[in-house]
Amino acid sequence: MRNKKWLQSSLAVLTAMTILLAGCSNNDAGGNKAAEGTKSEVSTEPVTYDYFAFGTNKDVLASNTTIGKILQGQTGVDWKMEYVVGDASTKSGVMIAGGDYPDVISPVGELSKLLDAGAFIPLNDLIEKYGPNIKRVYGDYMDKITNEDGNIYILPFTANVNGYLMEPDASSTFWMQRRVLKEFGYPEVKTLDQYFDLIEQYQAKYPTVDGKGTIGFLTFAGTPGEFFTITNQPMHLAGYPNDGNVMVDMQTHEAKLYMASEYEKRWLSSLNAMNRKSLLDPETFTANKDQYLAKLTSGRVLGYVNYAWQIGDATNNLKAAGNDDLRYVALPIVFDESITDAYIDPPSFVNNRGLGITVSAEDPIRIIKYWDNLLTEENQKLIQWGEKDVTYSVNEEGRFIMSKEQVANRNDNEFKRKYGWAYFDYEWPRYGNNSVYEDGNAHVPTSQPEVAAVNYTEGDLALLKAYGLKTFSGFYSEPVERAWYPAWSIEKEQGSPEQIFNQKAGDLQQKYYPKMVFASETAFESIWNEYIAEFNKLGSAGFEKFVTAKVKDRIEGNW
């Protein structure tokens, strides 16, 4: 179906490419001369393309950033970069209805819908003829990025190169304000009950901050696109990594939903109890993202749940403010002492998040060559580290290092936008975060031990010392290899039974979570039973069977 739609919508593009490529073919066995011969045919005249991402950021013209300007100097290509505002599903629907797309799109959760609409062109031939660096970076992952119709439509963001380097500062989803831990002598906090008890004790002792009431526990469920922030937690508390809405048994590899399980009930019951004690933010289901982040940086919140990548700006702002006591630390919270946490991701590859070229692009060849140039090791260093002797230095041993000022700039939100890190270090074809360069340096600066040490504040070091740790990853158990990971990246085709189930299940959670969390103690059980009755109408067995089959396929190497 997708292949047919693509053929119908992009015949003109294919025809143009065929004419361009016709002169490139020869009898050279390796194809190197053919590829070299095409270089002069690709214009280097200044041009600006449209880039659209379904992520969150501020719109920008790439050449207004340092990195964008450097890349423009290499290629002649500039980008008008735009990000989604409002509901992502509505925006993708408008694009599809009009049939007019930006030149490239990072579709995030809208991938299946855009693929089904034939929005992207296949990249196979473009990669083969113009992508030596693309083939170098994605070579080991080609089977994982190839669609069932045999085509490659997007280049993902997680292709790790030259091994796998563990991040020194991994985190969980449960965060606690550091002054809470400091007040009670840095106790070990492992279970959900211990975590909530500590928050309750602290709030009873210090009910206000600067004349305003403290907020015991904060979570974000104000928008449908990030509702998973609250629904995912039963999985983590039960000792499973982020496989989406399923938990995969390590022996049988059977995928089971945690929705409607005792794990979910226990999580919701705990939130309900926190609410009845006035320890839960009453705007949990109504605050927008800006309101949520404002609370997070106010100093009033004692604990919150969220993924680190969702609150990066707030985390950086808190660090820049200079009061370590008002910052947070993520803890390996689980239901019971007997459960081993699984917050640190095992080596993984996410094949349904990437950047694709659309059928509206007039010059796919030039775009693919820009991407290939971006994937040179020199430019990968640029988009993460910046410029040598400007934003980082190299010591006598050849190791990349940063001064405190350089680290502060790398963490500063406005500097990151001005320099271009906020726009180019993700949502482009790139090395994965756990990559290592040929010279042995880490791809991501904070994964470089020399930089991680400089990045720590006095408060960081004091907290780590109190717990006998050298890095924040020391809080967590070592990850366990999972060949399928992550299961949430298993694509569910638009209109398929599993996609429809996913949508209806999510809608059901959004309807009943507020009811259960804000219910009286006596009403909770009846609302839970009502929720289970509605869930049982959805028919979950087919969904679990689908995911289980895909997990087992991945274990066999079939992605």
Protein backbone atom coordinates (compact mmCIF):
# COMPACT_ATOMS: atom_id res chain seq x y z
CA MET A 1 0.00 0.00 0.00
CA ARG A 2 2.77 2.43 0.97
CA ASN A 3 4.82 1.51 -2.08
CA LYS A 4 1.85 2.11 -4.41
CA LYS A 5 1.08 5.50 -2.88
CA TRP A 6 4.70 6.54 -3.11
CA LEU A 7 4.85 5.60 -6.78
CA GLN A 8 1.72 7.59 -7.52
CA SER A 9 2.83 10.73 -5.70
CA SER A 10 6.46 10.91 -6.78
CA LEU A 11 6.63 9.85 -10.42
CA ALA A 12 7.86 13.31 -11.39
CA VAL A 13 10.64 13.17 -8.83
CA LEU A 14 11.73 9.73 -10.00
CA THR A 15 11.75 10.85 -13.60
CA ALA A 16 13.96 13.81 -12.81
CA MET A 17 16.32 11.64 -10.82
CA THR A 18 16.49 9.08 -13.58
CA ILE A 19 17.61 11.75 -16.06
CA LEU A 20 20.22 13.01 -13.61
CA LEU A 21 21.52 9.55 -12.83
CA ALA A 22 21.51 8.18 -16.36
CA GLY A 23 24.92 9.65 -17.10
CA CYS A 24 26.37 8.34 -13.85
CA SER A 25 26.32 4.67 -14.76
CA ASN A 26 29.46 2.98 -16.12
CA ASN A 27 31.22 -0.34 -15.91
CA ASP A 28 33.41 0.53 -12.92
CA ALA A 29 32.96 -2.44 -10.60
CA GLY A 30 33.23 -0.46 -7.38
CA GLY A 31 31.13 2.46 -8.58
CA ASN A 32 33.71 4.92 -7.20
CA LYS A 33 34.38 6.68 -10.49
CA ALA A 34 30.68 7.03 -11.12
CA ALA A 35 30.15 8.62 -7.74
CA GLU A 36 33.09 10.95 -8.24
CA GLY A 37 31.84 11.92 -11.65
CA THR A 38 28.56 13.20 -10.23
CA LYS A 39 30.14 15.70 -7.87
CA SER A 40 30.40 18.43 -10.49
CA GLU A 41 26.77 17.90 -11.49
CA VAL A 42 25.48 18.85 -8.04
CA SER A 43 25.24 22.61 -7.72
CA THR A 44 27.00 24.42 -4.89
CA GLU A 45 25.08 27.63 -5.52
CA PRO A 46 23.36 29.06 -2.43
CA VAL A 47 19.99 27.45 -1.77
CA THR A 48 17.62 27.29 1.18
CA TYR A 49 15.52 24.20 1.91
CA ASP A 50 12.63 23.71 4.34
CA TYR A 51 13.22 21.51 7.37
CA PHE A 52 10.28 20.55 9.59
CA ALA A 53 10.45 18.60 12.84
CA PHE A 54 7.63 17.26 14.99
CA GLY A 55 9.83 17.93 18.01
CA THR A 56 9.93 21.04 20.20
CA ASN A 57 12.30 23.93 19.56
CA LYS A 58 12.40 27.53 18.39
CA ASP A 59 12.26 28.15 14.63
CA VAL A 60 15.51 29.36 13.08
CA LEU A 61 17.40 29.95 9.84
CA ALA A 62 20.31 27.53 10.12
CA SER A 63 22.87 30.04 8.83
CA ASN A 64 22.05 32.26 11.81
CA THR A 65 23.83 29.69 13.96
CA THR A 66 27.58 29.09 13.97
CA ILE A 67 27.29 25.44 12.98
CA GLY A 68 24.70 26.13 10.30
CA LYS A 69 26.93 28.84 8.82
CA ILE A 70 29.96 26.53 8.73
CA LEU A 71 27.95 23.78 7.01
CA GLN A 72 26.52 26.32 4.57
CA GLY A 73 30.08 27.34 3.71
CA GLN A 74 30.90 23.71 2.90
CA THR A 75 27.80 22.98 0.81
CA GLY A 76 25.99 26.18 -0.15
CA VAL A 77 22.90 24.79 1.59
CA ASP A 78 20.89 26.65 4.22
CA TRP A 79 17.80 25.47 6.08
CA LYS A 80 14.65 27.21 7.20
CA MET A 81 14.05 25.12 10.32
CA GLU A 82 10.51 24.96 11.68
CA TYR A 83 9.06 22.97 14.59
CA VAL A 84 5.56 21.82 15.37
CA VAL A 85 3.31 24.08 17.38
CA GLY A 86 0.16 22.60 18.89
CA ASP A 87 -1.14 19.13 18.12
CA ALA A 88 1.25 17.06 15.99
CA SER A 89 -1.49 14.84 14.58
CA THR A 90 -3.42 17.85 13.34
CA LYS A 91 -0.32 19.28 11.68
CA SER A 92 0.54 16.06 9.88
CA GLY A 93 -3.09 15.74 8.78
CA VAL A 94 -3.00 19.21 7.23
CA MET A 95 0.22 18.34 5.38
CA ILE A 96 -1.24 15.11 4.05
CA ALA A 97 -4.54 16.71 3.01
CA GLY A 98 -2.70 19.40 1.04
CA GLY A 99 -0.13 17.02 -0.41
CA ASP A 100 2.52 19.72 -0.05
CA TYR A 101 5.41 18.99 2.27
CA PRO A 102 8.63 20.66 3.46
CA ASP A 103 11.77 19.33 1.76
CA VAL A 104 12.69 17.17 4.75
CA ILE A 105 10.71 16.04 7.79
CA SER A 106 11.62 14.56 11.16
CA PRO A 107 8.23 12.91 11.77
CA VAL A 108 8.72 11.55 15.33
CA GLY A 109 5.37 9.93 16.22
CA GLU A 110 3.77 10.83 12.88
CA LEU A 111 6.00 8.52 10.85
CA SER A 112 3.45 5.79 10.15
CA LYS A 113 0.82 8.27 9.02
CA LEU A 114 3.23 10.08 6.69
CA LEU A 115 4.60 6.83 5.29
CA ASP A 116 1.11 5.60 4.54
CA ALA A 117 0.36 8.87 2.76
CA GLY A 118 3.44 8.44 0.55
CA ALA A 119 5.13 11.57 1.89
CA PHE A 120 8.70 10.26 1.72
CA ILE A 121 10.83 9.11 -1.19
CA PRO A 122 12.96 5.95 -1.01
CA LEU A 123 16.60 6.73 -0.25
CA ASN A 124 18.17 3.45 -1.41
CA ASP A 125 19.57 4.60 -4.76
CA LEU A 126 20.58 8.00 -3.42
CA ILE A 127 22.54 6.36 -0.62
CA GLU A 128 24.19 3.91 -2.98
CA LYS A 129 25.34 6.60 -5.41
CA TYR A 130 25.96 9.61 -3.18
CA GLY A 131 26.32 8.34 0.37
CA PRO A 132 29.71 6.79 1.23
CA ASN A 133 29.57 8.24 4.75
CA ILE A 134 25.92 7.22 5.12
CA LYS A 135 26.91 3.66 4.23
CA ARG A 136 29.82 3.80 6.68
CA VAL A 137 27.65 4.98 9.56
CA TYR A 138 24.50 2.94 8.84
CA GLY A 139 26.15 -0.11 7.26
CA ASP A 140 25.55 -2.38 10.25
CA TYR A 141 21.99 -1.15 10.55
CA MET A 142 20.81 -1.33 6.93
CA ASP A 143 18.52 -4.29 7.62
CA LYS A 144 17.02 -2.38 10.57
CA ILE A 145 16.25 0.77 8.60
CA THR A 146 14.81 -1.00 5.57
CA ASN A 147 11.01 -0.95 5.37
CA GLU A 148 9.01 -4.10 4.64
CA ASP A 149 8.62 -2.94 1.03
CA GLY A 150 12.41 -2.98 0.64
CA ASN A 151 12.88 0.78 0.81
CA ILE A 152 14.70 3.08 3.21
CA TYR A 153 12.64 6.18 3.97
CA ILE A 154 14.39 7.78 6.95
CA LEU A 155 17.88 7.89 8.45
CA PRO A 156 17.60 7.36 12.22
CA PHE A 157 19.49 9.18 14.98
CA THR A 158 20.90 6.25 16.96
CA ALA A 159 23.48 4.47 14.80
CA ASN A 160 26.36 3.91 17.21
CA VAL A 161 29.77 3.91 15.56
CA ASN A 162 33.04 2.31 16.74
CA GLY A 163 31.58 0.49 19.72
CA TYR A 164 29.25 1.41 22.57
CA LEU A 165 30.27 3.83 25.34
CA MET A 166 28.13 3.84 28.47
CA GLU A 167 26.99 7.28 29.60
CA PRO A 168 28.44 8.24 33.01
CA ASP A 169 25.34 10.15 34.06
CA ALA A 170 22.33 8.05 33.10
CA SER A 171 19.07 8.79 34.91
CA SER A 172 15.74 7.30 35.87
CA THR A 173 12.34 8.97 35.65
CA PHE A 174 11.91 9.65 39.38
CA TRP A 175 13.66 12.82 40.54
CA MET A 176 14.01 14.25 44.03
CA GLN A 177 15.09 17.72 45.08
CA ARG A 178 18.56 17.49 46.58
CA ARG A 179 17.74 19.47 49.69
CA VAL A 180 15.24 16.76 50.66
CA LEU A 181 17.97 14.13 50.63
CA LYS A 182 20.36 16.49 52.38
CA GLU A 183 17.83 17.21 55.15
CA PHE A 184 17.57 13.52 56.04
CA GLY A 185 21.27 12.71 55.79
CA TYR A 186 21.30 11.29 52.25
CA PRO A 187 19.31 8.11 52.93
CA GLU A 188 19.01 5.24 50.47
CA VAL A 189 15.74 5.66 48.60
CA LYS A 190 14.79 2.68 46.46
CA THR A 191 11.08 1.95 46.72
CA LEU A 192 8.13 4.11 45.71
CA ASP A 193 6.85 4.10 49.29
CA GLN A 194 10.22 5.32 50.59
CA TYR A 195 10.31 8.03 47.93
CA PHE A 196 6.81 9.34 48.71
CA ASP A 197 7.35 9.03 52.46
CA LEU A 198 10.43 11.23 52.30
CA ILE A 199 8.53 13.86 50.30
CA GLU A 200 5.71 13.78 52.84
CA GLN A 201 8.09 14.20 55.77
CA TYR A 202 9.90 17.11 54.18
CA GLN A 203 6.73 18.96 53.19
CA ALA A 204 5.36 18.58 56.72
CA LYS A 205 8.55 20.16 58.02
CA TYR A 206 8.83 22.87 55.36
CA PRO A 207 5.35 23.58 53.90
CA THR A 208 6.38 26.79 52.11
CA VAL A 209 9.23 28.12 49.97
CA ASP A 210 9.64 31.89 49.78
CA GLY A 211 6.08 32.31 50.99
CA LYS A 212 4.59 29.86 48.50
CA GLY A 213 3.41 26.34 49.22
CA THR A 214 5.70 23.49 48.28
CA ILE A 215 4.49 20.97 45.69
CA GLY A 216 5.12 17.47 46.94
CA PHE A 217 5.04 15.57 43.65
CA LEU A 218 4.77 16.79 40.08
CA THR A 219 4.15 14.87 36.90
CA PHE A 220 3.23 16.02 33.43
CA ALA A 221 0.15 14.70 31.65
CA GLY A 222 -1.30 17.89 30.24
CA THR A 223 -0.92 17.05 26.54
CA PRO A 224 -1.83 13.83 24.70
CA GLY A 225 1.61 13.65 23.07
CA GLU A 226 3.37 13.37 26.43
CA PHE A 227 0.78 11.43 28.41
CA PHE A 228 3.20 8.50 28.40
CA THR A 229 5.14 10.40 31.08
CA ILE A 230 2.58 9.22 33.62
CA THR A 231 1.44 5.95 31.99
CA ASN A 232 4.94 4.49 31.51
CA GLN A 233 5.85 4.38 35.18
CA PRO A 234 4.34 0.98 36.16
CA MET A 235 6.81 -0.62 33.75
CA HIS A 236 9.82 1.07 35.34
CA LEU A 237 8.61 0.49 38.89
CA ALA A 238 8.24 -3.21 38.07
CA GLY A 239 11.89 -3.39 36.96
CA TYR A 240 11.57 -3.15 33.18
CA PRO A 241 13.23 -0.70 30.76
CA ASN A 242 11.28 1.55 28.40
CA ASP A 243 9.78 -0.90 25.91
CA GLY A 244 6.77 1.37 25.41
CA ASN A 245 3.49 -0.05 26.66
CA VAL A 246 4.69 -3.63 27.11
CA MET A 247 6.96 -5.62 29.40
CA VAL A 248 8.94 -8.37 27.65
CA ASP A 249 9.74 -11.54 29.57
CA MET A 250 13.47 -12.25 29.40
CA GLN A 251 13.01 -16.03 29.12
CA THR A 252 9.95 -16.46 26.89
CA HIS A 253 10.19 -13.08 25.11
CA GLU A 254 6.43 -12.77 25.43
CA ALA A 255 5.24 -9.14 25.42
CA LYS A 256 2.53 -8.28 27.93
CA LEU A 257 0.76 -4.97 28.42
CA TYR A 258 1.13 -3.40 31.83
CA MET A 259 -2.06 -1.45 31.18
CA ALA A 260 -4.84 -2.89 33.36
CA SER A 261 -2.28 -4.89 35.35
CA GLU A 262 -1.73 -4.91 39.09
CA TYR A 263 1.37 -2.80 38.43
CA GLU A 264 -0.73 -0.03 36.90
CA LYS A 265 -3.28 -0.27 39.69
CA ARG A 266 -0.55 0.02 42.32
CA TRP A 267 0.91 3.10 40.62
CA LEU A 268 -2.45 4.83 40.31
CA SER A 269 -3.38 3.92 43.86
CA SER A 270 -0.15 5.54 45.08
CA LEU A 271 -0.90 8.72 43.13
CA ASN A 272 -4.41 8.71 44.53
CA ALA A 273 -3.05 8.45 48.08
CA MET A 274 -0.61 11.33 47.41
CA ASN A 275 -3.47 13.43 46.10
CA ARG A 276 -5.63 12.74 49.15
CA LYS A 277 -2.73 13.98 51.29
CA SER A 278 -2.52 17.16 49.14
CA LEU A 279 0.97 16.15 48.03
CA LEU A 280 0.18 15.83 44.31
CA ASP A 281 0.06 18.84 42.02
CA PRO A 282 -3.67 19.48 41.37
CA GLU A 283 -2.88 20.62 37.82
CA THR A 284 -1.31 17.29 36.85
CA PHE A 285 -3.74 16.77 33.97
CA THR A 286 -4.41 20.38 32.99
CA ALA A 287 -1.15 22.35 33.07
CA ASN A 288 0.52 22.97 29.73
CA LYS A 289 4.23 22.32 29.20
CA ASP A 290 5.32 25.89 29.92
CA GLN A 291 3.36 25.95 33.18
CA TYR A 292 4.82 22.60 34.16
CA LEU A 293 8.40 23.73 33.47
CA ALA A 294 7.82 26.99 35.35
CA LYS A 295 6.86 24.99 38.45
CA LEU A 296 9.86 22.74 38.00
CA THR A 297 12.28 25.68 38.04
CA SER A 298 10.50 27.54 40.86
CA GLY A 299 12.21 25.65 43.69
CA ARG A 300 8.84 24.57 45.12
CA VAL A 301 8.73 21.02 43.74
CA LEU A 302 10.11 18.27 45.98
CA GLY A 303 9.85 15.40 43.52
CA TYR A 304 8.74 14.80 39.97
CA VAL A 305 8.62 12.11 37.32
CA ASN A 306 9.86 12.66 33.78
CA TYR A 307 12.46 11.55 31.24
CA ALA A 308 15.60 13.70 31.24
CA TRP A 309 15.28 14.50 27.53
CA GLN A 310 11.86 16.07 28.13
CA ILE A 311 13.09 18.65 30.62
CA GLY A 312 16.59 19.51 29.37
CA ASP A 313 16.03 23.28 29.27
CA ALA A 314 14.65 23.33 32.81
CA THR A 315 17.55 21.20 34.08
CA ASN A 316 20.08 23.52 32.46
CA ASN A 317 18.35 26.61 33.85
CA LEU A 318 18.39 25.19 37.36
CA LYS A 319 22.09 24.41 37.08
CA ALA A 320 22.85 27.88 35.70
CA ALA A 321 21.01 29.45 38.65
CA GLY A 322 23.80 28.13 40.89
CA ASN A 323 21.82 26.71 43.84
CA ASP A 324 22.60 23.01 43.93
CA ASP A 325 20.11 22.38 46.75
CA LEU A 326 17.25 23.32 44.41
CA ARG A 327 18.43 20.96 41.68
CA TYR A 328 17.29 17.35 41.39
CA VAL A 329 18.82 13.92 41.30
CA ALA A 330 17.24 10.91 39.60
CA LEU A 331 16.87 7.79 41.74
CA PRO A 332 16.36 4.09 40.84
CA ILE A 333 12.83 3.87 42.24
CA VAL A 334 10.99 0.51 42.05
CA PHE A 335 7.98 -1.00 43.79
CA ASP A 336 9.82 -3.33 46.15
CA GLU A 337 13.33 -3.92 47.51
CA SER A 338 13.45 -7.28 45.72
CA ILE A 339 13.13 -5.66 42.26
CA THR A 340 16.26 -4.86 40.26
CA ASP A 341 15.94 -1.52 38.50
CA ALA A 342 16.31 -1.36 34.71
CA TYR A 343 16.43 2.36 34.01
CA ILE A 344 19.69 2.39 32.04
CA ASP A 345 19.04 1.49 28.42
CA PRO A 346 20.90 -1.52 27.04
CA PRO A 347 22.61 -1.11 23.67
CA SER A 348 19.77 -0.28 21.33
CA PHE A 349 18.72 1.06 17.97
CA VAL A 350 15.58 3.11 17.35
CA ASN A 351 14.56 2.70 13.72
CA ASN A 352 11.33 4.73 13.71
CA ARG A 353 12.81 8.11 14.60
CA GLY A 354 14.76 9.76 11.79
CA LEU A 355 14.87 12.31 8.99
CA GLY A 356 13.38 11.74 5.55
CA ILE A 357 13.25 13.51 2.19
CA THR A 358 9.73 14.23 0.99
CA VAL A 359 8.12 13.96 -2.42
CA SER A 360 8.01 17.78 -2.54
CA ALA A 361 11.81 18.12 -2.52
CA GLU A 362 13.06 19.39 -5.89
CA ASP A 363 16.68 18.28 -5.49
CA PRO A 364 16.97 15.08 -3.40
CA ILE A 365 20.52 14.53 -4.67
CA ARG A 366 21.79 17.75 -3.17
CA ILE A 367 20.02 17.04 0.11
CA ILE A 368 21.46 13.53 0.39
CA LYS A 369 24.93 14.91 -0.31
CA TYR A 370 24.44 17.47 2.45
CA TRP A 371 23.55 14.63 4.82
CA ASP A 372 26.55 12.61 3.68
CA ASN A 373 28.82 15.60 4.31
CA LEU A 374 27.24 16.01 7.74
CA LEU A 375 28.26 12.43 8.57
CA THR A 376 31.98 12.96 8.07
CA GLU A 377 33.75 12.46 11.38
CA GLU A 378 34.98 16.07 11.21
CA ASN A 379 31.42 17.39 11.05
CA GLN A 380 30.14 14.98 13.67
CA LYS A 381 32.75 16.47 16.00
CA LEU A 382 31.51 19.94 14.98
CA ILE A 383 27.86 19.26 15.85
CA GLN A 384 28.78 17.86 19.29
CA TRP A 385 32.02 19.52 20.34
CA GLY A 386 32.15 22.60 18.12
CA GLU A 387 35.43 24.19 17.02
CA LYS A 388 38.83 23.21 18.34
CA ASP A 389 40.42 25.88 20.56
CA VAL A 390 37.10 27.74 20.64
CA THR A 391 34.53 25.51 22.31
CA TYR A 392 36.92 22.71 23.31
CA SER A 393 40.63 21.89 23.39
CA VAL A 394 42.83 18.84 22.83
CA ASN A 395 45.38 17.86 25.47
CA GLU A 396 48.81 16.30 24.89
CA GLU A 397 47.30 12.81 24.91
CA GLY A 398 44.88 13.75 22.12
CA ARG A 399 41.91 13.77 24.49
CA PHE A 400 39.13 16.33 23.99
CA ILE A 401 38.71 18.54 27.05
CA MET A 402 36.61 21.53 28.07
CA SER A 403 37.20 24.30 30.57
CA LYS A 404 34.50 25.20 33.09
CA GLU A 405 33.50 28.13 30.90
CA GLN A 406 33.26 25.91 27.82
CA VAL A 407 31.18 23.36 29.72
CA ALA A 408 28.90 26.16 30.96
CA ASN A 409 28.40 27.34 27.37
CA ARG A 410 27.67 23.78 26.23
CA ASN A 411 24.92 23.60 28.89
CA ASP A 412 23.52 27.10 28.40
CA ASN A 413 20.25 27.01 26.45
CA GLU A 414 20.70 30.34 24.67
CA PHE A 415 24.33 29.68 23.79
CA LYS A 416 23.35 26.26 22.42
CA ARG A 417 20.75 27.87 20.16
CA LYS A 418 23.08 30.64 19.00
CA TYR A 419 25.94 28.24 18.33
CA GLY A 420 23.67 25.63 16.73
CA TRP A 421 24.04 22.68 19.08
CA ALA A 422 20.36 22.94 19.95
CA TYR A 423 19.51 22.43 16.27
CA PHE A 424 22.17 20.07 14.90
CA ASP A 425 23.12 17.66 17.67
CA TYR A 426 19.89 15.68 17.16
CA GLU A 427 17.10 15.13 14.58
CA TRP A 428 19.64 14.86 11.74
CA PRO A 429 21.52 11.86 10.35
CA ARG A 430 24.17 11.42 13.04
CA TYR A 431 26.28 9.16 15.16
CA GLY A 432 24.38 7.63 18.08
CA ASN A 433 24.99 9.04 21.55
CA ASN A 434 27.11 6.06 22.61
CA SER A 435 29.52 6.35 19.68
CA VAL A 436 33.28 6.73 19.85
CA TYR A 437 35.46 8.53 17.28
CA GLU A 438 38.33 6.83 15.50
CA ASP A 439 40.74 8.71 17.77
CA GLY A 440 39.09 7.24 20.88
CA ASN A 441 37.22 10.36 22.03
CA ALA A 442 33.56 10.16 22.98
CA HIS A 443 31.00 11.47 20.51
CA VAL A 444 28.94 13.16 23.22
CA PRO A 445 31.01 15.53 25.41
CA THR A 446 29.35 14.52 28.68
CA SER A 447 30.34 10.89 28.00
CA GLN A 448 34.00 11.95 27.99
CA PRO A 449 35.37 11.31 31.51
CA GLU A 450 37.54 14.43 31.36
CA VAL A 451 34.49 16.59 30.58
CA ALA A 452 32.16 14.83 33.01
CA ALA A 453 34.58 15.64 35.83
CA VAL A 454 34.60 19.35 34.92
CA ASN A 455 30.83 19.34 34.48
CA TYR A 456 30.25 18.40 38.12
CA THR A 457 29.51 21.25 40.52
CA GLU A 458 30.55 21.27 44.17
CA GLY A 459 27.02 20.14 44.98
CA ASP A 460 27.29 17.25 42.53
CA LEU A 461 30.54 16.08 44.09
CA ALA A 462 29.18 16.40 47.62
CA LEU A 463 26.10 14.33 46.76
CA LEU A 464 28.13 11.66 44.98
CA LYS A 465 30.55 11.49 47.91
CA ALA A 466 27.64 11.09 50.34
CA TYR A 467 26.50 8.00 48.41
CA GLY A 468 30.01 6.68 47.74
CA LEU A 469 29.70 7.10 43.98
CA LYS A 470 31.94 8.50 41.24
CA THR A 471 29.21 9.15 38.66
CA PHE A 472 25.42 9.39 38.71
CA SER A 473 25.12 6.17 36.71
CA GLY A 474 26.44 4.49 39.85
CA PHE A 475 22.96 4.72 41.36
CA TYR A 476 21.67 2.16 38.86
CA SER A 477 22.00 -1.51 38.05
CA GLU A 478 23.94 -2.51 34.95
CA PRO A 479 21.73 -2.86 31.85
CA VAL A 480 20.85 -6.32 30.56
CA GLU A 481 21.19 -7.05 26.86
CA ARG A 482 17.86 -7.07 24.99
CA ALA A 483 18.27 -7.82 21.29
CA TRP A 484 14.89 -6.34 20.38
CA TYR A 485 15.19 -3.14 22.38
CA PRO A 486 13.28 -0.89 22.36
CA ALA A 487 9.93 -2.50 21.55
CA TRP A 488 8.24 0.90 21.39
CA SER A 489 10.04 1.50 18.09
CA ILE A 490 8.12 -1.36 16.43
CA GLU A 491 6.15 0.49 13.80
CA LYS A 492 2.39 0.01 13.71
CA GLU A 493 1.00 0.80 10.30
CA GLN A 494 -1.73 3.42 10.15
CA GLY A 495 -5.17 1.80 10.25
CA SER A 496 -3.84 -1.61 11.32
CA PRO A 497 -5.54 -3.45 14.23
CA GLU A 498 -2.53 -2.87 16.47
CA GLN A 499 -2.42 0.87 15.68
CA ILE A 500 -6.15 1.20 16.33
CA PHE A 501 -5.79 -0.70 19.61
CA ASN A 502 -2.89 1.54 20.61
CA GLN A 503 -4.96 4.65 19.94
CA LYS A 504 -8.04 3.41 21.78
CA ALA A 505 -5.99 2.20 24.75
CA GLY A 506 -4.27 5.58 25.01
CA ASP A 507 -7.60 7.37 24.81
CA LEU A 508 -8.95 5.15 27.59
CA GLN A 509 -6.02 5.98 29.84
CA GLN A 510 -6.44 9.70 29.21
CA LYS A 511 -10.11 9.40 30.15
CA TYR A 512 -9.71 7.33 33.33
CA TYR A 513 -6.36 8.37 34.81
CA PRO A 514 -7.67 11.74 36.12
CA LYS A 515 -10.77 10.02 37.52
CA MET A 516 -8.74 7.44 39.42
CA VAL A 517 -6.02 9.78 40.63
CA PHE A 518 -8.48 12.38 41.96
CA ALA A 519 -11.08 9.90 43.27
CA SER A 520 -11.99 9.51 46.92
CA GLU A 521 -10.50 6.50 48.67
CA THR A 522 -13.82 4.65 48.58
CA ALA A 523 -14.50 5.46 44.90
CA PHE A 524 -11.12 4.39 43.56
CA GLU A 525 -11.89 0.67 43.41
CA SER A 526 -15.18 1.09 41.55
CA ILE A 527 -13.61 3.43 38.98
CA TRP A 528 -10.74 0.97 38.51
CA ASN A 529 -13.22 -1.83 37.85
CA GLU A 530 -15.05 0.35 35.35
CA TYR A 531 -11.71 1.06 33.63
CA ILE A 532 -10.90 -2.66 33.45
CA ALA A 533 -14.32 -3.41 31.97
CA GLU A 534 -13.74 -0.85 29.23
CA PHE A 535 -10.22 -2.15 28.63
CA ASN A 536 -11.48 -5.70 28.20
CA LYS A 537 -13.66 -4.51 25.33
CA LEU A 538 -10.58 -3.49 23.35
CA GLY A 539 -9.23 -7.00 22.78
CA SER A 540 -5.61 -6.80 23.90
CA ALA A 541 -4.58 -10.35 22.95
CA GLY A 542 -4.06 -9.50 19.30
CA PHE A 543 -1.85 -6.54 20.16
CA GLU A 544 0.31 -8.58 22.53
CA LYS A 545 0.61 -11.33 19.92
CA PHE A 546 1.71 -8.77 17.31
CA VAL A 547 4.40 -7.25 19.54
CA THR A 548 5.62 -10.66 20.70
CA ALA A 549 6.05 -11.77 17.09
CA LYS A 550 7.98 -8.60 16.24
CA VAL A 551 10.19 -8.99 19.32
CA LYS A 552 11.05 -12.56 18.32
CA ASP A 553 11.68 -11.43 14.73
CA ARG A 554 14.18 -8.86 16.00
CA ILE A 555 15.92 -11.47 18.14
CA GLU A 556 16.37 -13.49 14.95
CA GLY A 557 17.85 -10.41 13.24
CA ASN A 558 14.75 -9.54 11.23
CA TRP A 559 13.81 -5.92 11.87
